[in-house]
N, C-alpha and C. Protein backbone atom coordinates (compact mmCIF):
# COMPACT_ATOMS: atom_id res chain seq x y z
N MET A 1 15.87 19.85 14.71
CA MET A 1 16.00 18.95 13.58
C MET A 1 16.13 19.77 12.31
N ASN A 2 17.06 19.45 11.48
CA ASN A 2 17.28 20.14 10.22
C ASN A 2 16.25 19.66 9.20
N GLN A 3 15.24 20.50 8.89
CA GLN A 3 14.16 20.10 7.99
C GLN A 3 14.67 19.84 6.57
N ASP A 4 15.78 20.48 6.17
CA ASP A 4 16.32 20.26 4.83
C ASP A 4 16.85 18.84 4.69
N ALA A 5 17.44 18.30 5.74
CA ALA A 5 18.00 16.95 5.69
C ALA A 5 16.97 15.89 6.06
N ALA A 6 15.84 16.32 6.60
CA ALA A 6 14.80 15.37 7.01
C ALA A 6 14.22 14.66 5.80
N LYS A 7 13.95 13.38 5.96
CA LYS A 7 13.36 12.57 4.89
C LYS A 7 12.19 11.78 5.47
N TRP A 8 11.34 11.29 4.59
CA TRP A 8 10.23 10.44 4.99
C TRP A 8 10.69 8.99 5.00
N TYR A 9 10.33 8.27 6.04
CA TYR A 9 10.64 6.84 6.16
C TYR A 9 9.35 6.09 6.48
N ALA A 10 9.23 4.87 5.96
CA ALA A 10 8.07 4.04 6.26
C ALA A 10 8.38 3.18 7.48
N VAL A 11 7.40 3.10 8.38
CA VAL A 11 7.52 2.30 9.59
C VAL A 11 6.45 1.22 9.53
N HIS A 12 6.86 -0.03 9.68
CA HIS A 12 5.92 -1.15 9.71
C HIS A 12 5.37 -1.28 11.13
N THR A 13 4.04 -1.37 11.24
CA THR A 13 3.41 -1.45 12.56
C THR A 13 2.72 -2.79 12.76
N ARG A 14 2.34 -3.06 13.99
CA ARG A 14 1.51 -4.22 14.27
C ARG A 14 0.17 -4.02 13.57
N SER A 15 -0.53 -5.10 13.31
CA SER A 15 -1.82 -5.03 12.65
C SER A 15 -2.80 -4.16 13.44
N ARG A 16 -3.42 -3.22 12.76
CA ARG A 16 -4.42 -2.29 13.31
C ARG A 16 -3.86 -1.34 14.39
N PHE A 17 -2.55 -1.12 14.37
CA PHE A 17 -1.91 -0.22 15.34
C PHE A 17 -1.49 1.10 14.71
N GLU A 18 -1.90 1.36 13.48
CA GLU A 18 -1.43 2.56 12.78
C GLU A 18 -1.71 3.84 13.57
N MET A 19 -2.93 4.00 14.05
CA MET A 19 -3.28 5.24 14.76
C MET A 19 -2.62 5.31 16.14
N LYS A 20 -2.45 4.17 16.80
CA LYS A 20 -1.76 4.17 18.10
C LYS A 20 -0.30 4.57 17.92
N VAL A 21 0.33 4.07 16.86
CA VAL A 21 1.72 4.43 16.57
C VAL A 21 1.80 5.92 16.22
N PHE A 22 0.86 6.39 15.38
CA PHE A 22 0.81 7.81 15.02
C PHE A 22 0.71 8.68 16.27
N GLU A 23 -0.17 8.32 17.18
CA GLU A 23 -0.34 9.08 18.43
C GLU A 23 0.93 9.02 19.28
N GLY A 24 1.60 7.85 19.29
CA GLY A 24 2.86 7.71 20.03
C GLY A 24 3.93 8.64 19.47
N PHE A 25 4.00 8.74 18.14
CA PHE A 25 4.96 9.65 17.51
C PHE A 25 4.62 11.10 17.84
N SER A 26 3.34 11.44 17.79
CA SER A 26 2.91 12.82 18.10
C SER A 26 3.30 13.19 19.52
N GLY A 27 3.16 12.25 20.45
CA GLY A 27 3.54 12.48 21.85
C GLY A 27 5.03 12.70 22.02
N LYS A 28 5.82 12.19 21.08
CA LYS A 28 7.28 12.36 21.12
C LYS A 28 7.73 13.48 20.20
N SER A 29 6.80 14.26 19.68
CA SER A 29 7.07 15.37 18.74
C SER A 29 7.80 14.90 17.49
N ILE A 30 7.42 13.72 17.00
CA ILE A 30 7.98 13.20 15.75
C ILE A 30 6.90 13.37 14.69
N GLU A 31 7.24 14.08 13.60
CA GLU A 31 6.27 14.30 12.53
C GLU A 31 5.93 12.96 11.88
N ALA A 32 4.64 12.65 11.80
CA ALA A 32 4.21 11.38 11.24
C ALA A 32 2.99 11.59 10.36
N PHE A 33 2.72 10.60 9.51
CA PHE A 33 1.62 10.67 8.57
C PHE A 33 1.06 9.28 8.33
N VAL A 34 -0.26 9.13 8.47
CA VAL A 34 -0.95 7.88 8.16
C VAL A 34 -1.91 8.18 7.01
N PRO A 35 -1.59 7.72 5.80
CA PRO A 35 -2.53 7.96 4.69
C PRO A 35 -3.81 7.15 4.91
N ARG A 36 -4.96 7.83 4.82
CA ARG A 36 -6.24 7.15 5.05
C ARG A 36 -7.22 7.47 3.92
N ILE A 37 -8.18 6.58 3.74
CA ILE A 37 -9.24 6.81 2.76
C ILE A 37 -10.59 6.66 3.45
N GLN A 38 -11.57 7.31 2.87
CA GLN A 38 -12.92 7.27 3.41
C GLN A 38 -13.69 6.15 2.73
N VAL A 39 -14.29 5.27 3.52
CA VAL A 39 -15.10 4.17 2.98
C VAL A 39 -16.42 4.11 3.72
N MET A 40 -17.38 3.45 3.12
CA MET A 40 -18.67 3.24 3.78
C MET A 40 -18.56 1.98 4.63
N SER A 41 -18.88 2.12 5.90
CA SER A 41 -18.87 0.99 6.82
C SER A 41 -20.30 0.47 6.95
N ARG A 42 -20.44 -0.83 6.91
CA ARG A 42 -21.77 -1.42 7.06
C ARG A 42 -21.93 -1.92 8.48
N ARG A 43 -22.88 -1.37 9.17
CA ARG A 43 -23.24 -1.83 10.50
C ARG A 43 -24.57 -2.55 10.37
N LYS A 44 -25.00 -3.20 11.43
CA LYS A 44 -26.27 -3.94 11.38
C LYS A 44 -27.43 -3.06 10.94
N ASP A 45 -27.51 -1.86 11.51
CA ASP A 45 -28.67 -1.02 11.27
C ASP A 45 -28.39 0.24 10.45
N ARG A 46 -27.14 0.48 10.05
CA ARG A 46 -26.85 1.72 9.34
C ARG A 46 -25.53 1.62 8.56
N ARG A 47 -25.36 2.61 7.68
CA ARG A 47 -24.09 2.75 6.95
C ARG A 47 -23.47 4.07 7.38
N LYS A 48 -22.16 4.07 7.52
CA LYS A 48 -21.47 5.24 8.01
C LYS A 48 -20.13 5.38 7.28
N LYS A 49 -19.73 6.63 6.99
CA LYS A 49 -18.42 6.86 6.38
C LYS A 49 -17.36 6.84 7.48
N ILE A 50 -16.31 6.06 7.25
CA ILE A 50 -15.20 6.00 8.20
C ILE A 50 -13.88 6.14 7.45
N LEU A 51 -12.83 6.52 8.17
CA LEU A 51 -11.49 6.60 7.59
C LEU A 51 -10.72 5.34 7.98
N ILE A 52 -10.13 4.68 6.99
CA ILE A 52 -9.30 3.51 7.25
C ILE A 52 -7.92 3.74 6.62
N PRO A 53 -6.88 3.08 7.12
CA PRO A 53 -5.54 3.25 6.53
C PRO A 53 -5.52 2.81 5.06
N LEU A 54 -4.93 3.65 4.23
CA LEU A 54 -4.76 3.32 2.81
C LEU A 54 -3.73 2.20 2.66
N LEU A 55 -2.70 2.23 3.49
CA LEU A 55 -1.65 1.20 3.48
C LEU A 55 -1.62 0.54 4.85
N PRO A 56 -2.49 -0.45 5.08
CA PRO A 56 -2.55 -1.07 6.41
C PRO A 56 -1.18 -1.56 6.87
N GLY A 57 -0.85 -1.25 8.12
CA GLY A 57 0.42 -1.70 8.70
C GLY A 57 1.58 -0.75 8.50
N TYR A 58 1.32 0.45 7.95
CA TYR A 58 2.41 1.39 7.71
C TYR A 58 2.07 2.80 8.15
N VAL A 59 3.08 3.47 8.72
CA VAL A 59 3.01 4.87 9.10
C VAL A 59 4.28 5.50 8.55
N PHE A 60 4.20 6.72 8.06
CA PHE A 60 5.38 7.42 7.57
C PHE A 60 5.85 8.42 8.61
N VAL A 61 7.17 8.51 8.80
CA VAL A 61 7.75 9.47 9.72
C VAL A 61 8.72 10.36 8.96
N HIS A 62 8.80 11.63 9.36
CA HIS A 62 9.66 12.61 8.70
C HIS A 62 10.69 13.10 9.71
N PHE A 63 11.94 12.73 9.49
CA PHE A 63 12.97 13.15 10.44
C PHE A 63 14.35 13.09 9.80
N ASP A 64 15.27 13.77 10.44
CA ASP A 64 16.68 13.76 10.06
C ASP A 64 17.28 12.53 10.73
N MET A 65 17.75 11.58 9.94
CA MET A 65 18.23 10.31 10.48
C MET A 65 19.35 10.53 11.50
N ASN A 66 19.04 10.24 12.76
CA ASN A 66 20.06 10.24 13.80
C ASN A 66 19.67 9.16 14.81
N PRO A 67 20.65 8.57 15.49
CA PRO A 67 20.38 7.43 16.37
C PRO A 67 19.34 7.69 17.46
N GLU A 68 19.34 8.88 18.03
CA GLU A 68 18.42 9.18 19.13
C GLU A 68 16.96 9.11 18.67
N VAL A 69 16.65 9.78 17.56
CA VAL A 69 15.28 9.77 17.04
C VAL A 69 14.93 8.38 16.52
N TYR A 70 15.89 7.73 15.86
CA TYR A 70 15.66 6.37 15.35
C TYR A 70 15.20 5.45 16.48
N TRP A 71 15.88 5.48 17.61
CA TRP A 71 15.52 4.60 18.72
C TRP A 71 14.21 5.03 19.37
N ASP A 72 13.91 6.33 19.37
CA ASP A 72 12.59 6.78 19.84
C ASP A 72 11.48 6.17 18.97
N ILE A 73 11.72 6.13 17.68
CA ILE A 73 10.74 5.56 16.74
C ILE A 73 10.59 4.06 16.98
N ILE A 74 11.72 3.35 17.01
CA ILE A 74 11.71 1.89 17.16
C ILE A 74 11.06 1.47 18.48
N LYS A 75 11.27 2.25 19.54
CA LYS A 75 10.74 1.89 20.86
C LYS A 75 9.27 2.28 21.05
N THR A 76 8.66 2.91 20.06
CA THR A 76 7.25 3.31 20.17
C THR A 76 6.37 2.06 20.15
N THR A 77 5.40 2.00 21.06
CA THR A 77 4.50 0.86 21.14
C THR A 77 3.78 0.64 19.82
N GLY A 78 3.84 -0.59 19.33
CA GLY A 78 3.18 -0.96 18.08
C GLY A 78 4.09 -0.98 16.87
N VAL A 79 5.30 -0.42 16.99
CA VAL A 79 6.24 -0.42 15.87
C VAL A 79 6.90 -1.79 15.77
N VAL A 80 6.91 -2.35 14.56
CA VAL A 80 7.57 -3.63 14.31
C VAL A 80 9.00 -3.37 13.87
N ARG A 81 9.16 -2.51 12.85
CA ARG A 81 10.49 -2.18 12.32
C ARG A 81 10.35 -1.04 11.32
N MET A 82 11.48 -0.47 10.97
CA MET A 82 11.49 0.51 9.87
C MET A 82 11.76 -0.26 8.59
N VAL A 83 11.17 0.20 7.49
CA VAL A 83 11.42 -0.45 6.21
C VAL A 83 12.88 -0.18 5.86
N SER A 84 13.64 -1.27 5.70
CA SER A 84 15.09 -1.18 5.54
C SER A 84 15.58 -2.06 4.40
N PHE A 85 16.78 -1.78 3.96
CA PHE A 85 17.48 -2.62 3.00
C PHE A 85 18.87 -2.86 3.57
N ARG A 86 19.20 -4.11 3.77
CA ARG A 86 20.49 -4.51 4.36
C ARG A 86 20.74 -3.80 5.68
N GLY A 87 19.70 -3.70 6.49
CA GLY A 87 19.83 -3.13 7.82
C GLY A 87 19.80 -1.61 7.90
N GLU A 88 19.72 -0.94 6.76
CA GLU A 88 19.69 0.53 6.73
C GLU A 88 18.29 1.00 6.34
N PRO A 89 17.66 1.87 7.16
CA PRO A 89 16.35 2.41 6.79
C PRO A 89 16.43 3.12 5.44
N VAL A 90 15.43 2.86 4.60
CA VAL A 90 15.40 3.43 3.25
C VAL A 90 14.37 4.56 3.21
N PRO A 91 14.80 5.77 2.81
CA PRO A 91 13.83 6.87 2.75
C PRO A 91 12.85 6.67 1.59
N ALA A 92 11.61 7.12 1.81
CA ALA A 92 10.60 7.10 0.75
C ALA A 92 10.84 8.32 -0.14
N LYS A 93 10.41 8.24 -1.38
CA LYS A 93 10.55 9.38 -2.28
C LYS A 93 9.55 10.45 -1.87
N ASP A 94 10.01 11.70 -1.81
CA ASP A 94 9.15 12.82 -1.41
C ASP A 94 7.89 12.91 -2.27
N GLU A 95 8.04 12.68 -3.60
CA GLU A 95 6.88 12.80 -4.48
C GLU A 95 5.85 11.69 -4.23
N GLU A 96 6.30 10.51 -3.79
CA GLU A 96 5.36 9.43 -3.47
C GLU A 96 4.57 9.77 -2.20
N VAL A 97 5.25 10.30 -1.20
CA VAL A 97 4.57 10.69 0.04
C VAL A 97 3.62 11.86 -0.25
N ALA A 98 4.05 12.79 -1.10
CA ALA A 98 3.19 13.92 -1.48
C ALA A 98 1.92 13.41 -2.16
N SER A 99 2.05 12.40 -3.01
CA SER A 99 0.87 11.82 -3.67
C SER A 99 -0.07 11.18 -2.65
N LEU A 100 0.49 10.50 -1.67
CA LEU A 100 -0.33 9.89 -0.62
C LEU A 100 -1.04 10.96 0.20
N MET A 101 -0.36 12.09 0.42
CA MET A 101 -0.98 13.19 1.17
C MET A 101 -2.17 13.77 0.41
N ILE A 102 -2.08 13.80 -0.91
CA ILE A 102 -3.20 14.28 -1.72
C ILE A 102 -4.38 13.32 -1.61
N LEU A 103 -4.11 12.02 -1.61
CA LEU A 103 -5.17 11.01 -1.49
C LEU A 103 -5.75 10.95 -0.08
N ASP A 104 -5.01 11.43 0.91
CA ASP A 104 -5.42 11.30 2.31
C ASP A 104 -6.82 11.85 2.56
N GLY A 105 -7.68 11.00 3.08
CA GLY A 105 -9.03 11.41 3.45
C GLY A 105 -10.01 11.52 2.31
N THR A 106 -9.57 11.26 1.10
CA THR A 106 -10.45 11.39 -0.05
C THR A 106 -11.56 10.34 -0.01
N ASP A 107 -12.69 10.67 -0.63
CA ASP A 107 -13.75 9.68 -0.73
C ASP A 107 -13.79 9.08 -2.14
N ARG A 108 -12.77 9.37 -2.91
CA ARG A 108 -12.65 8.77 -4.24
C ARG A 108 -12.42 7.27 -4.08
N THR A 109 -12.84 6.51 -5.09
CA THR A 109 -12.63 5.07 -5.03
C THR A 109 -11.15 4.79 -5.24
N VAL A 110 -10.54 4.24 -4.23
CA VAL A 110 -9.13 3.88 -4.29
C VAL A 110 -9.06 2.39 -3.99
N GLN A 111 -8.49 1.64 -4.90
CA GLN A 111 -8.38 0.21 -4.69
C GLN A 111 -6.94 -0.14 -4.37
N ASN A 112 -6.75 -0.74 -3.22
CA ASN A 112 -5.43 -1.16 -2.79
C ASN A 112 -5.13 -2.49 -3.47
N ARG A 113 -4.21 -2.51 -4.39
CA ARG A 113 -3.91 -3.70 -5.16
C ARG A 113 -2.47 -4.13 -4.93
N ALA A 114 -2.26 -5.43 -5.08
CA ALA A 114 -0.90 -5.95 -5.01
C ALA A 114 -0.15 -5.45 -6.25
N TYR A 115 1.11 -5.17 -6.10
CA TYR A 115 1.94 -4.73 -7.21
C TYR A 115 2.12 -5.90 -8.17
N VAL A 116 1.76 -5.73 -9.43
CA VAL A 116 1.84 -6.81 -10.42
C VAL A 116 2.88 -6.43 -11.46
N LYS A 117 3.74 -7.40 -11.79
CA LYS A 117 4.75 -7.18 -12.83
C LYS A 117 4.74 -8.36 -13.80
N THR A 118 5.38 -8.19 -14.93
CA THR A 118 5.43 -9.23 -15.95
C THR A 118 5.90 -10.55 -15.34
N GLY A 119 5.14 -11.61 -15.63
CA GLY A 119 5.49 -12.94 -15.14
C GLY A 119 4.77 -13.35 -13.86
N ASP A 120 4.13 -12.39 -13.18
CA ASP A 120 3.40 -12.72 -11.95
C ASP A 120 2.19 -13.59 -12.27
N LYS A 121 1.90 -14.52 -11.38
CA LYS A 121 0.73 -15.38 -11.52
C LYS A 121 -0.50 -14.59 -11.05
N VAL A 122 -1.54 -14.56 -11.88
CA VAL A 122 -2.76 -13.82 -11.56
C VAL A 122 -3.99 -14.70 -11.78
N MET A 123 -5.08 -14.33 -11.09
CA MET A 123 -6.36 -15.02 -11.29
C MET A 123 -7.38 -14.00 -11.76
N ILE A 124 -8.21 -14.40 -12.71
CA ILE A 124 -9.29 -13.55 -13.18
C ILE A 124 -10.43 -13.67 -12.18
N MET A 125 -10.85 -12.55 -11.59
CA MET A 125 -11.80 -12.54 -10.49
C MET A 125 -13.23 -12.19 -10.90
N ASP A 126 -13.44 -11.79 -12.17
CA ASP A 126 -14.77 -11.38 -12.57
C ASP A 126 -14.95 -11.62 -14.06
N GLY A 127 -16.18 -11.75 -14.49
CA GLY A 127 -16.49 -11.93 -15.90
C GLY A 127 -16.58 -13.39 -16.29
N PRO A 128 -16.72 -13.66 -17.60
CA PRO A 128 -16.91 -15.03 -18.07
C PRO A 128 -15.70 -15.94 -17.84
N LEU A 129 -14.53 -15.36 -17.65
CA LEU A 129 -13.32 -16.16 -17.42
C LEU A 129 -12.96 -16.25 -15.94
N LYS A 130 -13.89 -15.89 -15.07
CA LYS A 130 -13.66 -15.90 -13.62
C LYS A 130 -13.09 -17.25 -13.18
N GLY A 131 -12.02 -17.18 -12.37
CA GLY A 131 -11.40 -18.39 -11.83
C GLY A 131 -10.22 -18.89 -12.64
N LEU A 132 -10.05 -18.39 -13.86
CA LEU A 132 -8.93 -18.80 -14.70
C LEU A 132 -7.63 -18.22 -14.15
N VAL A 133 -6.58 -19.03 -14.15
CA VAL A 133 -5.27 -18.59 -13.66
C VAL A 133 -4.34 -18.46 -14.85
N GLY A 134 -3.55 -17.40 -14.86
CA GLY A 134 -2.60 -17.19 -15.94
C GLY A 134 -1.42 -16.37 -15.46
N PHE A 135 -0.66 -15.84 -16.40
CA PHE A 135 0.51 -15.04 -16.08
C PHE A 135 0.35 -13.66 -16.69
N TYR A 136 0.66 -12.64 -15.89
CA TYR A 136 0.56 -11.27 -16.35
C TYR A 136 1.64 -11.02 -17.40
N LEU A 137 1.23 -10.48 -18.54
CA LEU A 137 2.20 -10.19 -19.60
C LEU A 137 2.56 -8.72 -19.67
N ARG A 138 1.55 -7.85 -19.86
CA ARG A 138 1.85 -6.42 -19.98
C ARG A 138 0.57 -5.60 -19.91
N ARG A 139 0.75 -4.33 -19.70
CA ARG A 139 -0.35 -3.36 -19.75
C ARG A 139 -0.50 -2.98 -21.21
N LYS A 140 -1.70 -2.85 -21.68
CA LYS A 140 -1.92 -2.56 -23.10
C LYS A 140 -2.27 -1.10 -23.31
N GLY A 141 -1.31 -0.35 -23.82
CA GLY A 141 -1.54 1.06 -24.13
C GLY A 141 -1.95 1.89 -22.93
N GLN A 142 -2.80 2.86 -23.18
CA GLN A 142 -3.26 3.76 -22.13
C GLN A 142 -4.53 3.25 -21.45
N SER A 143 -5.11 2.19 -21.99
CA SER A 143 -6.36 1.69 -21.43
C SER A 143 -6.11 0.90 -20.14
N ASP A 144 -7.20 0.62 -19.44
CA ASP A 144 -7.11 -0.15 -18.21
C ASP A 144 -7.23 -1.64 -18.50
N LYS A 145 -6.51 -2.09 -19.49
CA LYS A 145 -6.56 -3.51 -19.84
C LYS A 145 -5.17 -4.11 -19.70
N VAL A 146 -5.16 -5.38 -19.40
CA VAL A 146 -3.91 -6.11 -19.33
C VAL A 146 -4.04 -7.34 -20.22
N VAL A 147 -2.94 -7.93 -20.57
CA VAL A 147 -2.96 -9.15 -21.37
C VAL A 147 -2.46 -10.27 -20.48
N VAL A 148 -3.21 -11.36 -20.45
CA VAL A 148 -2.87 -12.50 -19.61
C VAL A 148 -2.68 -13.71 -20.49
N SER A 149 -1.63 -14.45 -20.25
CA SER A 149 -1.42 -15.69 -20.96
C SER A 149 -1.98 -16.81 -20.10
N VAL A 150 -2.95 -17.54 -20.65
CA VAL A 150 -3.60 -18.61 -19.90
C VAL A 150 -3.30 -19.94 -20.57
N GLU A 151 -2.76 -20.87 -19.79
CA GLU A 151 -2.46 -22.17 -20.36
C GLU A 151 -3.71 -23.04 -20.27
N LEU A 152 -4.23 -23.46 -21.43
CA LEU A 152 -5.45 -24.25 -21.50
C LEU A 152 -5.23 -25.31 -22.57
N LEU A 153 -5.32 -26.55 -22.19
CA LEU A 153 -5.06 -27.65 -23.12
C LEU A 153 -3.70 -27.50 -23.78
N LYS A 154 -2.73 -27.12 -22.99
CA LYS A 154 -1.34 -26.94 -23.43
C LYS A 154 -1.20 -25.86 -24.50
N ARG A 155 -2.06 -24.87 -24.46
CA ARG A 155 -1.98 -23.73 -25.37
C ARG A 155 -2.06 -22.46 -24.54
N SER A 156 -1.41 -21.45 -25.02
CA SER A 156 -1.51 -20.16 -24.34
C SER A 156 -2.45 -19.28 -25.13
N LEU A 157 -3.31 -18.61 -24.41
CA LEU A 157 -4.25 -17.68 -25.02
C LEU A 157 -4.00 -16.30 -24.45
N ALA A 158 -3.86 -15.34 -25.32
CA ALA A 158 -3.71 -13.96 -24.84
C ALA A 158 -5.11 -13.38 -24.72
N VAL A 159 -5.45 -12.90 -23.53
CA VAL A 159 -6.79 -12.39 -23.26
C VAL A 159 -6.68 -10.98 -22.68
N GLU A 160 -7.48 -10.06 -23.20
CA GLU A 160 -7.51 -8.72 -22.63
C GLU A 160 -8.51 -8.71 -21.49
N ILE A 161 -8.06 -8.27 -20.33
CA ILE A 161 -8.88 -8.25 -19.13
C ILE A 161 -8.74 -6.89 -18.46
N GLU A 162 -9.82 -6.34 -17.97
CA GLU A 162 -9.74 -5.10 -17.20
C GLU A 162 -8.86 -5.37 -15.98
N ASP A 163 -7.97 -4.43 -15.63
CA ASP A 163 -7.04 -4.70 -14.53
C ASP A 163 -7.74 -4.88 -13.18
N TRP A 164 -8.92 -4.29 -13.00
CA TRP A 164 -9.62 -4.45 -11.72
C TRP A 164 -10.15 -5.87 -11.55
N ALA A 165 -10.22 -6.63 -12.66
CA ALA A 165 -10.74 -8.00 -12.58
C ALA A 165 -9.63 -9.01 -12.30
N LEU A 166 -8.40 -8.54 -12.13
CA LEU A 166 -7.27 -9.43 -11.86
C LEU A 166 -6.83 -9.34 -10.41
N GLU A 167 -6.36 -10.46 -9.90
CA GLU A 167 -5.79 -10.46 -8.56
C GLU A 167 -4.51 -11.28 -8.59
N LYS A 168 -3.44 -10.71 -8.06
CA LYS A 168 -2.17 -11.42 -7.98
C LYS A 168 -2.31 -12.56 -6.98
N ILE A 169 -1.78 -13.73 -7.35
CA ILE A 169 -1.80 -14.85 -6.42
C ILE A 169 -0.38 -15.28 -6.13
N LYS A 170 -0.18 -15.78 -4.93
CA LYS A 170 1.16 -16.19 -4.53
C LYS A 170 1.55 -17.47 -5.24
N SER A 171 2.77 -17.51 -5.72
CA SER A 171 3.26 -18.69 -6.46
C SER A 171 3.50 -19.84 -5.53
């Protein structure tokens, strides 16, 4: 395999099959990567640090796109599909995968959040405005605050909210 032409691709897996798919790729000598984070697991009688997938349902593979390897990947137990656009697998950016590799196994607090953009419907999940629904407007400066427009009595109110207190909701 030509490592210069090889790119990283995201593979969508069955729920909780990330490690089985990773092992399947390893058995086929396909370079793969599952970004994981360390969290505290609560058991009945104890707490324990465990590694869980940072991006549940996804495994990254590094290969030179050719039909033989592509079909080896697709036929691996637990693989649903490759992330594609118009039927063509889309490579991930090298710098994004490199960032995930840096986060891999870290015990730093990493919060997996839905991607939020201007106009998305969000709910305030904490604080005195908990439960209020509004629309995401913008990130404010360098701080961890966002501005939400909330319709209340047919008026919109711009409210600064810490981004961790917001959750994207499906329209």
